[in-house]
Structures are given as structure tokens and as C-alpha cells.
PDB file of N, CA and C in Angstrom:
ATOM      1  N   MET A   1       6.999 -20.889  -0.856  1.00  0.00           N
ATOM      2  CA  MET A   1       5.749 -20.178  -0.644  1.00  0.00           C
ATOM      3  C   MET A   1       5.825 -19.250   0.561  1.00  0.00           C
ATOM      4  N   GLU A   2       6.574 -19.675   1.585  1.00  0.00           N
ATOM      5  CA  GLU A   2       6.669 -18.858   2.790  1.00  0.00           C
ATOM      6  C   GLU A   2       7.310 -17.505   2.501  1.00  0.00           C
ATOM      7  N   SER A   3       8.228 -17.448   1.551  1.00  0.00           N
ATOM      8  CA  SER A   3       8.875 -16.171   1.246  1.00  0.00           C
ATOM      9  C   SER A   3       7.968 -15.269   0.404  1.00  0.00           C
ATOM     10  N   LEU A   4       6.986 -15.842  -0.289  1.00  0.00           N
ATOM     11  CA  LEU A   4       6.073 -15.040  -1.103  1.00  0.00           C
ATOM     12  C   LEU A   4       4.901 -14.478  -0.305  1.00  0.00           C
ATOM     13  N   LEU A   5       4.560 -15.106   0.799  1.00  0.00           N
ATOM     14  CA  LEU A   5       3.392 -14.684   1.559  1.00  0.00           C
ATOM     15  C   LEU A   5       3.462 -13.218   2.013  1.00  0.00           C
ATOM     16  N   PRO A   6       4.568 -12.753   2.588  1.00  0.00           N
ATOM     17  CA  PRO A   6       4.604 -11.337   2.985  1.00  0.00           C
ATOM     18  C   PRO A   6       4.403 -10.384   1.806  1.00  0.00           C
ATOM     19  N   MET A   7       4.964 -10.700   0.638  1.00  0.00           N
ATOM     20  CA  MET A   7       4.800  -9.841  -0.535  1.00  0.00           C
ATOM     21  C   MET A   7       3.356  -9.843  -1.000  1.00  0.00           C
ATOM     22  N   ILE A   8       2.727 -11.012  -1.030  1.00  0.00           N
ATOM     23  CA  ILE A   8       1.319 -11.087  -1.439  1.00  0.00           C
ATOM     24  C   ILE A   8       0.452 -10.296  -0.476  1.00  0.00           C
ATOM     25  N   VAL A   9       0.728 -10.432   0.818  1.00  0.00           N
ATOM     26  CA  VAL A   9      -0.035  -9.680   1.823  1.00  0.00           C
ATOM     27  C   VAL A   9       0.184  -8.182   1.642  1.00  0.00           C
ATOM     28  N   ASN A  10       1.425  -7.765   1.372  1.00  0.00           N
ATOM     29  CA  ASN A  10       1.716  -6.349   1.121  1.00  0.00           C
ATOM     30  C   ASN A  10       0.917  -5.824  -0.069  1.00  0.00           C
ATOM     31  N   LEU A  11       0.882  -6.586  -1.153  1.00  0.00           N
ATOM     32  CA  LEU A  11       0.199  -6.122  -2.365  1.00  0.00           C
ATOM     33  C   LEU A  11      -1.306  -6.042  -2.154  1.00  0.00           C
ATOM     34  N   VAL A  12      -1.887  -7.057  -1.530  1.00  0.00           N
ATOM     35  CA  VAL A  12      -3.333  -7.044  -1.288  1.00  0.00           C
ATOM     36  C   VAL A  12      -3.709  -5.925  -0.303  1.00  0.00           C
ATOM     37  N   SER A  13      -2.942  -5.804   0.756  1.00  0.00           N
ATOM     38  CA  SER A  13      -3.266  -4.740   1.719  1.00  0.00           C
ATOM     39  C   SER A  13      -2.974  -3.366   1.133  1.00  0.00           C
ATOM     40  N   GLY A  14      -2.043  -3.273   0.200  1.00  0.00           N
ATOM     41  CA  GLY A  14      -1.810  -2.023  -0.510  1.00  0.00           C
ATOM     42  C   GLY A  14      -3.012  -1.621  -1.344  1.00  0.00           C
ATOM     43  N   ALA A  15      -3.626  -2.589  -2.020  1.00  0.00           N
ATOM     44  CA  ALA A  15      -4.836  -2.310  -2.797  1.00  0.00           C
ATOM     45  C   ALA A  15      -5.959  -1.838  -1.874  1.00  0.00           C
ATOM     46  N   VAL A  16      -6.105  -2.494  -0.742  1.00  0.00           N
ATOM     47  CA  VAL A  16      -7.122  -2.085   0.232  1.00  0.00           C
ATOM     48  C   VAL A  16      -6.806  -0.697   0.784  1.00  0.00           C
ATOM     49  N   GLY A  17      -5.539  -0.457   1.097  1.00  0.00           N
ATOM     50  CA  GLY A  17      -5.133   0.857   1.608  1.00  0.00           C
ATOM     51  C   GLY A  17      -5.339   1.963   0.588  1.00  0.00           C
ATOM     52  N   GLY A  18      -5.048   1.675  -0.676  1.00  0.00           N
ATOM     53  CA  GLY A  18      -5.270   2.664  -1.734  1.00  0.00           C
ATOM     54  C   GLY A  18      -6.734   3.008  -1.893  1.00  0.00           C
ATOM     55  N   ASN A  19      -7.607   2.000  -1.855  1.00  0.00           N
ATOM     56  CA  ASN A  19      -9.033   2.255  -1.973  1.00  0.00           C
ATOM     57  C   ASN A  19      -9.589   2.944  -0.727  1.00  0.00           C
ATOM     58  N   ALA A  20      -9.068   2.592   0.440  1.00  0.00           N
ATOM     59  CA  ALA A  20      -9.508   3.268   1.669  1.00  0.00           C
ATOM     60  C   ALA A  20      -9.098   4.744   1.639  1.00  0.00           C
ATOM     61  N   ALA A  21      -7.875   5.008   1.201  1.00  0.00           N
ATOM     62  CA  ALA A  21      -7.424   6.392   1.099  1.00  0.00           C
ATOM     63  C   ALA A  21      -8.246   7.161   0.079  1.00  0.00           C
ATOM     64  N   GLY A  22      -8.552   6.509  -1.047  1.00  0.00           N
ATOM     65  CA  GLY A  22      -9.388   7.148  -2.065  1.00  0.00           C
ATOM     66  C   GLY A  22     -10.782   7.446  -1.542  1.00  0.00           C
ATOM     67  N   GLY A  23     -11.309   6.561  -0.701  1.00  0.00           N
ATOM     68  CA  GLY A  23     -12.624   6.796  -0.114  1.00  0.00           C
ATOM     69  C   GLY A  23     -12.621   7.908   0.907  1.00  0.00           C
ATOM     70  N   LEU A  24     -11.523   8.023   1.653  1.00  0.00           N
ATOM     71  CA  LEU A  24     -11.431   9.066   2.669  1.00  0.00           C
ATOM     72  C   LEU A  24     -11.085  10.433   2.086  1.00  0.00           C
ATOM     73  N   MET A  25     -10.291  10.439   1.033  1.00  0.00           N
ATOM     74  CA  MET A  25      -9.860  11.691   0.397  1.00  0.00           C
ATOM     75  C   MET A  25     -10.443  11.734  -1.011  1.00  0.00           C
ATOM     76  N   LYS A  26     -11.712  12.052  -1.093  1.00  0.00           N
ATOM     77  CA  LYS A  26     -12.434  12.013  -2.382  1.00  0.00           C
ATOM     78  C   LYS A  26     -11.771  12.891  -3.448  1.00  0.00           C
ATOM     79  N   ASN A  27     -11.177  14.002  -3.044  1.00  0.00           N
ATOM     80  CA  ASN A  27     -10.590  14.906  -4.033  1.00  0.00           C
ATOM     81  C   ASN A  27      -9.280  14.354  -4.622  1.00  0.00           C
ATOM     82  N   PHE A  28      -8.692  13.315  -4.009  1.00  0.00           N
ATOM     83  CA  PHE A  28      -7.490  12.689  -4.544  1.00  0.00           C
ATOM     84  C   PHE A  28      -7.763  11.332  -5.155  1.00  0.00           C
ATOM     85  N   SER A  29      -9.004  10.862  -5.118  1.00  0.00           N
ATOM     86  CA  SER A  29      -9.343   9.537  -5.615  1.00  0.00           C
ATOM     87  C   SER A  29      -9.161   9.468  -7.128  1.00  0.00           C
ATOM     88  N   LEU A  30      -8.675   8.323  -7.596  1.00  0.00           N
ATOM     89  CA  LEU A  30      -8.454   8.111  -9.016  1.00  0.00           C
ATOM     90  C   LEU A  30      -9.470   7.142  -9.605  1.00  0.00           C
ATOM     91  N   GLY A  31     -10.438   6.745  -8.811  1.00  0.00           N
ATOM     92  CA  GLY A  31     -11.397   5.713  -9.227  1.00  0.00           C
ATOM     93  C   GLY A  31     -10.943   4.366  -8.695  1.00  0.00           C
ATOM     94  N   THR A  32     -11.846   3.440  -8.577  1.00  0.00           N
ATOM     95  CA  THR A  32     -11.550   2.162  -7.933  1.00  0.00           C
ATOM     96  C   THR A  32     -10.395   1.420  -8.591  1.00  0.00           C
ATOM     97  N   LEU A  33     -10.393   1.338  -9.909  1.00  0.00           N
ATOM     98  CA  LEU A  33      -9.335   0.594 -10.597  1.00  0.00           C
ATOM     99  C   LEU A  33      -7.966   1.211 -10.332  1.00  0.00           C
ATOM    100  N   TRP A  34      -7.828   2.512 -10.546  1.00  0.00           N
ATOM    101  CA  TRP A  34      -6.527   3.157 -10.379  1.00  0.00           C
ATOM    102  C   TRP A  34      -6.145   3.305  -8.923  1.00  0.00           C
ATOM    103  N   ASN A  35      -7.124   3.445  -8.023  1.00  0.00           N
ATOM    104  CA  ASN A  35      -6.803   3.413  -6.590  1.00  0.00           C
ATOM    105  C   ASN A  35      -6.169   2.068  -6.246  1.00  0.00           C
ATOM    106  N   SER A  36      -6.713   0.995  -6.814  1.00  0.00           N
ATOM    107  CA  SER A  36      -6.172  -0.345  -6.563  1.00  0.00           C
ATOM    108  C   SER A  36      -4.771  -0.506  -7.148  1.00  0.00           C
ATOM    109  N   VAL A  37      -4.581  -0.050  -8.384  1.00  0.00           N
ATOM    110  CA  VAL A  37      -3.274  -0.188  -9.047  1.00  0.00           C
ATOM    111  C   VAL A  37      -2.203   0.591  -8.289  1.00  0.00           C
ATOM    112  N   VAL A  38      -2.507   1.839  -7.965  1.00  0.00           N
ATOM    113  CA  VAL A  38      -1.538   2.670  -7.233  1.00  0.00           C
ATOM    114  C   VAL A  38      -1.325   2.090  -5.830  1.00  0.00           C
ATOM    115  N   GLY A  39      -2.390   1.596  -5.217  1.00  0.00           N
ATOM    116  CA  GLY A  39      -2.264   0.969  -3.897  1.00  0.00           C
ATOM    117  C   GLY A  39      -1.389  -0.265  -3.927  1.00  0.00           C
ATOM    118  N   ILE A  40      -1.525  -1.094  -4.970  1.00  0.00           N
ATOM    119  CA  ILE A  40      -0.692  -2.298  -5.093  1.00  0.00           C
ATOM    120  C   ILE A  40       0.774  -1.891  -5.219  1.00  0.00           C
ATOM    121  N   LEU A  41       1.055  -0.905  -6.055  1.00  0.00           N
ATOM    122  CA  LEU A  41       2.443  -0.425  -6.194  1.00  0.00           C
ATOM    123  C   LEU A  41       2.960   0.125  -4.872  1.00  0.00           C
ATOM    124  N   GLY A  42       2.137   0.929  -4.208  1.00  0.00           N
ATOM    125  CA  GLY A  42       2.540   1.497  -2.924  1.00  0.00           C
ATOM    126  C   GLY A  42       2.715   0.444  -1.855  1.00  0.00           C
ATOM    127  N   GLY A  43       1.865  -0.575  -1.881  1.00  0.00           N
ATOM    128  CA  GLY A  43       1.998  -1.661  -0.922  1.00  0.00           C
ATOM    129  C   GLY A  43       3.298  -2.421  -1.094  1.00  0.00           C
ATOM    130  N   GLY A  44       3.657  -2.689  -2.341  1.00  0.00           N
ATOM    131  CA  GLY A  44       4.925  -3.361  -2.605  1.00  0.00           C
ATOM    132  C   GLY A  44       6.118  -2.530  -2.187  1.00  0.00           C
ATOM    133  N   ILE A  45       6.078  -1.245  -2.525  1.00  0.00           N
ATOM    134  CA  ILE A  45       7.170  -0.347  -2.159  1.00  0.00           C
ATOM    135  C   ILE A  45       7.239  -0.165  -0.645  1.00  0.00           C
ATOM    136  N   GLY A  46       6.084   0.069  -0.020  1.00  0.00           N
ATOM    137  CA  GLY A  46       6.058   0.270   1.424  1.00  0.00           C
ATOM    138  C   GLY A  46       6.538  -0.949   2.178  1.00  0.00           C
ATOM    139  N   GLY A  47       6.126  -2.126   1.743  1.00  0.00           N
ATOM    140  CA  GLY A  47       6.575  -3.351   2.388  1.00  0.00           C
ATOM    141  C   GLY A  47       8.073  -3.555   2.265  1.00  0.00           C
ATOM    142  N   GLN A  48       8.622  -3.247   1.093  1.00  0.00           N
ATOM    143  CA  GLN A  48      10.066  -3.401   0.893  1.00  0.00           C
ATOM    144  C   GLN A  48      10.860  -2.398   1.718  1.00  0.00           C
ATOM    145  N   VAL A  49      10.420  -1.154   1.718  1.00  0.00           N
ATOM    146  CA  VAL A  49      11.140  -0.116   2.457  1.00  0.00           C
ATOM    147  C   VAL A  49      11.119  -0.399   3.952  1.00  0.00           C
ATOM    148  N   LEU A  50       9.937  -0.682   4.486  1.00  0.00           N
ATOM    149  CA  LEU A  50       9.855  -0.950   5.916  1.00  0.00           C
ATOM    150  C   LEU A  50      10.530  -2.276   6.269  1.00  0.00           C
ATOM    151  N   GLY A  51      10.517  -3.232   5.347  1.00  0.00           N
ATOM    152  CA  GLY A  51      11.240  -4.487   5.576  1.00  0.00           C
ATOM    153  C   GLY A  51      12.743  -4.265   5.660  1.00  0.00           C
ATOM    154  N   MET A  52      13.277  -3.373   4.823  1.00  0.00           N
ATOM    155  CA  MET A  52      14.702  -3.061   4.870  1.00  0.00           C
ATOM    156  C   MET A  52      15.069  -2.353   6.160  1.00  0.00           C
ATOM    157  N   LEU A  53      14.133  -1.572   6.686  1.00  0.00           N
ATOM    158  CA  LEU A  53      14.380  -0.870   7.937  1.00  0.00           C
ATOM    159  C   LEU A  53      14.135  -1.756   9.163  1.00  0.00           C
ATOM    160  N   GLY A  54      13.644  -2.961   8.901  1.00  0.00           N
ATOM    161  CA  GLY A  54      13.386  -3.893   9.987  1.00  0.00           C
ATOM    162  C   GLY A  54      12.080  -3.645  10.716  1.00  0.00           C
ATOM    163  N   MET A  55      11.183  -2.834  10.112  1.00  0.00           N
ATOM    164  CA  MET A  55       9.942  -2.476  10.792  1.00  0.00           C
ATOM    165  C   MET A  55       8.712  -3.145  10.213  1.00  0.00           C
ATOM    166  N   GLY A  56       8.785  -3.709   9.042  1.00  0.00           N
ATOM    167  CA  GLY A  56       7.596  -4.276   8.423  1.00  0.00           C
ATOM    168  C   GLY A  56       7.943  -5.445   7.553  1.00  0.00           C
ATOM    169  N   GLY A  57       6.931  -6.152   7.103  1.00  0.00           N
ATOM    170  CA  GLY A  57       7.175  -7.285   6.222  1.00  0.00           C
ATOM    171  C   GLY A  57       8.040  -8.323   6.882  1.00  0.00           C
ATOM    172  N   GLY A  58       7.646  -8.768   8.062  1.00  0.00           N
ATOM    173  CA  GLY A  58       8.445  -9.635   8.913  1.00  0.00           C
ATOM    174  C   GLY A  58       9.086 -10.829   8.240  1.00  0.00           C
ATOM    175  N   GLY A  59       8.587 -11.264   7.114  1.00  0.00           N
ATOM    176  CA  GLY A  59       9.210 -12.348   6.394  1.00  0.00           C
ATOM    177  C   GLY A  59       8.771 -13.726   6.846  1.00  0.00           C
ATOM    178  N   GLY A  60       7.944 -13.804   7.867  1.00  0.00           N
ATOM    179  CA  GLY A  60       7.505 -15.092   8.354  1.00  0.00           C
ATOM    180  C   GLY A  60       5.995 -15.227   8.258  1.00  0.00           C
ATOM    181  N   MET A  61       5.533 -16.434   8.572  1.00  0.00           N
ATOM    182  CA  MET A  61       4.101 -16.682   8.520  1.00  0.00           C
ATOM    183  C   MET A  61       3.480 -16.587   9.902  1.00  0.00           C
ATOM    184  N   ASP A  62       4.216 -16.091  10.885  1.00  0.00           N
ATOM    185  CA  ASP A  62       3.642 -15.924  12.204  1.00  0.00           C
ATOM    186  C   ASP A  62       2.743 -14.695  12.217  1.00  0.00           C
ATOM    187  N   LEU A  63       1.971 -14.545  13.255  1.00  0.00           N
ATOM    188  CA  LEU A  63       0.985 -13.464  13.317  1.00  0.00           C
ATOM    189  C   LEU A  63       1.650 -12.083  13.249  1.00  0.00           C
ATOM    190  N   THR A  64       2.758 -11.924  13.919  1.00  0.00           N
ATOM    191  CA  THR A  64       3.450 -10.629  13.907  1.00  0.00           C
ATOM    192  C   THR A  64       3.935 -10.275  12.508  1.00  0.00           C
ATOM    193  N   GLY A  65       4.493 -11.231  11.790  1.00  0.00           N
ATOM    194  CA  GLY A  65       4.968 -10.983  10.430  1.00  0.00           C
ATOM    195  C   GLY A  65       3.841 -10.621   9.487  1.00  0.00           C
ATOM    196  N   ILE A  66       2.722 -11.316   9.610  1.00  0.00           N
ATOM    197  CA  ILE A  66       1.577 -11.032   8.744  1.00  0.00           C
ATOM    198  C   ILE A  66       0.990  -9.668   9.060  1.00  0.00           C
ATOM    199  N   LEU A  67       0.844  -9.350  10.347  1.00  0.00           N
ATOM    200  CA  LEU A  67       0.290  -8.049  10.726  1.00  0.00           C
ATOM    201  C   LEU A  67       1.210  -6.897  10.310  1.00  0.00           C
ATOM    202  N   SER A  68       2.515  -7.109  10.412  1.00  0.00           N
ATOM    203  CA  SER A  68       3.426  -6.043   9.979  1.00  0.00           C
ATOM    204  C   SER A  68       3.382  -5.882   8.462  1.00  0.00           C
ATOM    205  N   SER A  69       3.177  -6.980   7.726  1.00  0.00           N
ATOM    206  CA  SER A  69       3.033  -6.880   6.276  1.00  0.00           C
ATOM    207  C   SER A  69       1.759  -6.134   5.905  1.00  0.00           C
ATOM    208  N   VAL A  70       0.668  -6.418   6.613  1.00  0.00           N
ATOM    209  CA  VAL A  70      -0.594  -5.723   6.374  1.00  0.00           C
ATOM    210  C   VAL A  70      -0.445  -4.228   6.643  1.00  0.00           C
ATOM    211  N   ALA A  71       0.186  -3.880   7.765  1.00  0.00           N
ATOM    212  CA  ALA A  71       0.358  -2.471   8.102  1.00  0.00           C
ATOM    213  C   ALA A  71       1.256  -1.754   7.099  1.00  0.00           C
ATOM    214  N   ALA A  72       2.372  -2.394   6.733  1.00  0.00           N
ATOM    215  CA  ALA A  72       3.302  -1.769   5.786  1.00  0.00           C
ATOM    216  C   ALA A  72       2.658  -1.606   4.417  1.00  0.00           C
ATOM    217  N   GLY A  73       1.972  -2.622   3.952  1.00  0.00           N
ATOM    218  CA  GLY A  73       1.321  -2.556   2.641  1.00  0.00           C
ATOM    219  C   GLY A  73       0.190  -1.536   2.614  1.00  0.00           C
ATOM    220  N   GLY A  74      -0.643  -1.549   3.633  1.00  0.00           N
ATOM    221  CA  GLY A  74      -1.756  -0.593   3.695  1.00  0.00           C
ATOM    222  C   GLY A  74      -1.278   0.845   3.762  1.00  0.00           C
ATOM    223  N   ALA A  75      -0.278   1.081   4.600  1.00  0.00           N
ATOM    224  CA  ALA A  75       0.258   2.436   4.718  1.00  0.00           C
ATOM    225  C   ALA A  75       0.916   2.878   3.416  1.00  0.00           C
ATOM    226  N   GLY A  76       1.695   2.004   2.804  1.00  0.00           N
ATOM    227  CA  GLY A  76       2.356   2.340   1.539  1.00  0.00           C
ATOM    228  C   GLY A  76       1.342   2.629   0.445  1.00  0.00           C
ATOM    229  N   GLY A  77       0.301   1.832   0.361  1.00  0.00           N
ATOM    230  CA  GLY A  77      -0.738   2.058  -0.637  1.00  0.00           C
ATOM    231  C   GLY A  77      -1.463   3.376  -0.436  1.00  0.00           C
ATOM    232  N   GLY A  78      -1.796   3.680   0.807  1.00  0.00           N
ATOM    233  CA  GLY A  78      -2.483   4.936   1.104  1.00  0.00           C
ATOM    234  C   GLY A  78      -1.621   6.154   0.839  1.00  0.00           C
ATOM    235  N   VAL A  79      -0.358   6.081   1.229  1.00  0.00           N
ATOM    236  CA  VAL A  79       0.550   7.213   1.039  1.00  0.00           C
ATOM    237  C   VAL A  79       0.800   7.460  -0.453  1.00  0.00           C
ATOM    238  N   LEU A  80       1.069   6.400  -1.210  1.00  0.00           N
ATOM    239  CA  LEU A  80       1.322   6.593  -2.642  1.00  0.00           C
ATOM    240  C   LEU A  80       0.093   7.127  -3.356  1.00  0.00           C
ATOM    241  N   LEU A  81      -1.090   6.663  -2.976  1.00  0.00           N
ATOM    242  CA  LEU A  81      -2.308   7.185  -3.591  1.00  0.00           C
ATOM    243  C   LEU A  81      -2.454   8.681  -3.290  1.00  0.00           C
ATOM    244  N   ALA A  82      -2.183   9.081  -2.074  1.00  0.00           N
ATOM    245  CA  ALA A  82      -2.282  10.509  -1.721  1.00  0.00           C
ATOM    246  C   ALA A  82      -1.292  11.332  -2.546  1.00  0.00           C
ATOM    247  N   VAL A  83      -0.075  10.840  -2.712  1.00  0.00           N
ATOM    248  CA  VAL A  83       0.938  11.570  -3.486  1.00  0.00           C
ATOM    249  C   VAL A  83       0.526  11.663  -4.954  1.00  0.00           C
ATOM    250  N   VAL A  84       0.108  10.541  -5.552  1.00  0.00           N
ATOM    251  CA  VAL A  84      -0.294  10.542  -6.959  1.00  0.00           C
ATOM    252  C   VAL A  84      -1.541  11.403  -7.144  1.00  0.00           C
ATOM    253  N   GLY A  85      -2.477  11.326  -6.201  1.00  0.00           N
ATOM    254  CA  GLY A  85      -3.685  12.146  -6.283  1.00  0.00           C
ATOM    255  C   GLY A  85      -3.379  13.634  -6.222  1.00  0.00           C
ATOM    256  N   MET A  86      -2.423  14.020  -5.346  1.00  0.00           N
ATOM    257  CA  MET A  86      -2.038  15.431  -5.251  1.00  0.00           C
ATOM    258  C   MET A  86      -1.378  15.901  -6.547  1.00  0.00           C
ATOM    259  N   ILE A  87      -0.511  15.058  -7.124  1.00  0.00           N
ATOM    260  CA  ILE A  87       0.144  15.420  -8.379  1.00  0.00           C
ATOM    261  C   ILE A  87      -0.875  15.567  -9.494  1.00  0.00           C
ATOM    262  N   LYS A  88      -1.821  14.633  -9.574  1.00  0.00           N
ATOM    263  CA  LYS A  88      -2.868  14.698 -10.608  1.00  0.00           C
ATOM    264  C   LYS A  88      -3.698  15.957 -10.442  1.00  0.00           C
ATOM    265  N   LYS A  89      -4.061  16.273  -9.204  1.00  0.00           N
ATOM    266  CA  LYS A  89      -4.858  17.454  -8.959  1.00  0.00           C
ATOM    267  C   LYS A  89      -4.094  18.736  -9.319  1.00  0.00           C
ATOM    268  N   ALA A  90      -2.802  18.768  -8.983  1.00  0.00           N
ATOM    269  CA  ALA A  90      -1.996  19.940  -9.303  1.00  0.00           C
ATOM    270  C   ALA A  90      -1.811  20.111 -10.804  1.00  0.00           C
ATOM    271  N   MET A  91      -1.709  19.015 -11.534  1.00  0.00           N
ATOM    272  CA  MET A  91      -1.535  19.091 -12.981  1.00  0.00           C
ATOM    273  C   MET A  91      -2.831  19.493 -13.682  1.00  0.00           C
ATOM    274  N   GLY A  92      -3.954  19.247 -13.038  1.00  0.00           N
ATOM    275  CA  GLY A  92      -5.249  19.570 -13.619  1.00  0.00           C
ATOM    276  C   GLY A  92      -5.582  21.043 -13.575  1.00  0.00           C
ATOM    277  N   LYS A  93      -4.854  21.813 -12.767  1.00  0.00           N
ATOM    278  CA  LYS A  93      -5.148  23.246 -12.624  1.00  0.00           C
ATOM    279  C   LYS A  93      -4.451  24.045 -13.662  1.00  0.00           C
TER     280      LYS A  93
END
């Protein structure tokens, strides 16, 4: 279970990050459901990438590991939502 906690935190915080980004950037929002889906994907990717770089997804259940997982997942979710939103907007023109 200890090895799954950082991934779960990344995915949940990715969903939150995706919805927060969608709320802040209304023109890139995909709606609550798709903001969450894209955020979850971005959270997983962001957590893995930053974990490989040694900057996020600490891998432990200590406070630092959990906070780094939250930051990595939230940032990944927000960034991926912005990218997907920009692509969707560009394709709509």
C-alpha cells in the first residue's frame, strides 16, 4: 500500500489541478468531467516524470513525500489540461 499512495495522491491531485486550471482558464476548459480525466492523466504523467528526476512523488508516506506528490500531480494535471485545451481550441477554428 505504501508504494501505491504516491500514485493515488498524484492522480487525485491531478484531477483537482485539471479542474482548477479549467476554472482559471475558461477558454481552455473541457467541462468538469473531461477536466478531471485529463487532469488524472496529467497527474500520473507529471508524478512519474518528476519522480524520475528526483523532484516529486517522494515514494514515502512522510509529509514531504505526500506534499511533493500533490505538487507534481496538480502541476501535471494543470499543464496537460492547458495543452489539450489549446489543441482543442486551435482545431475548432
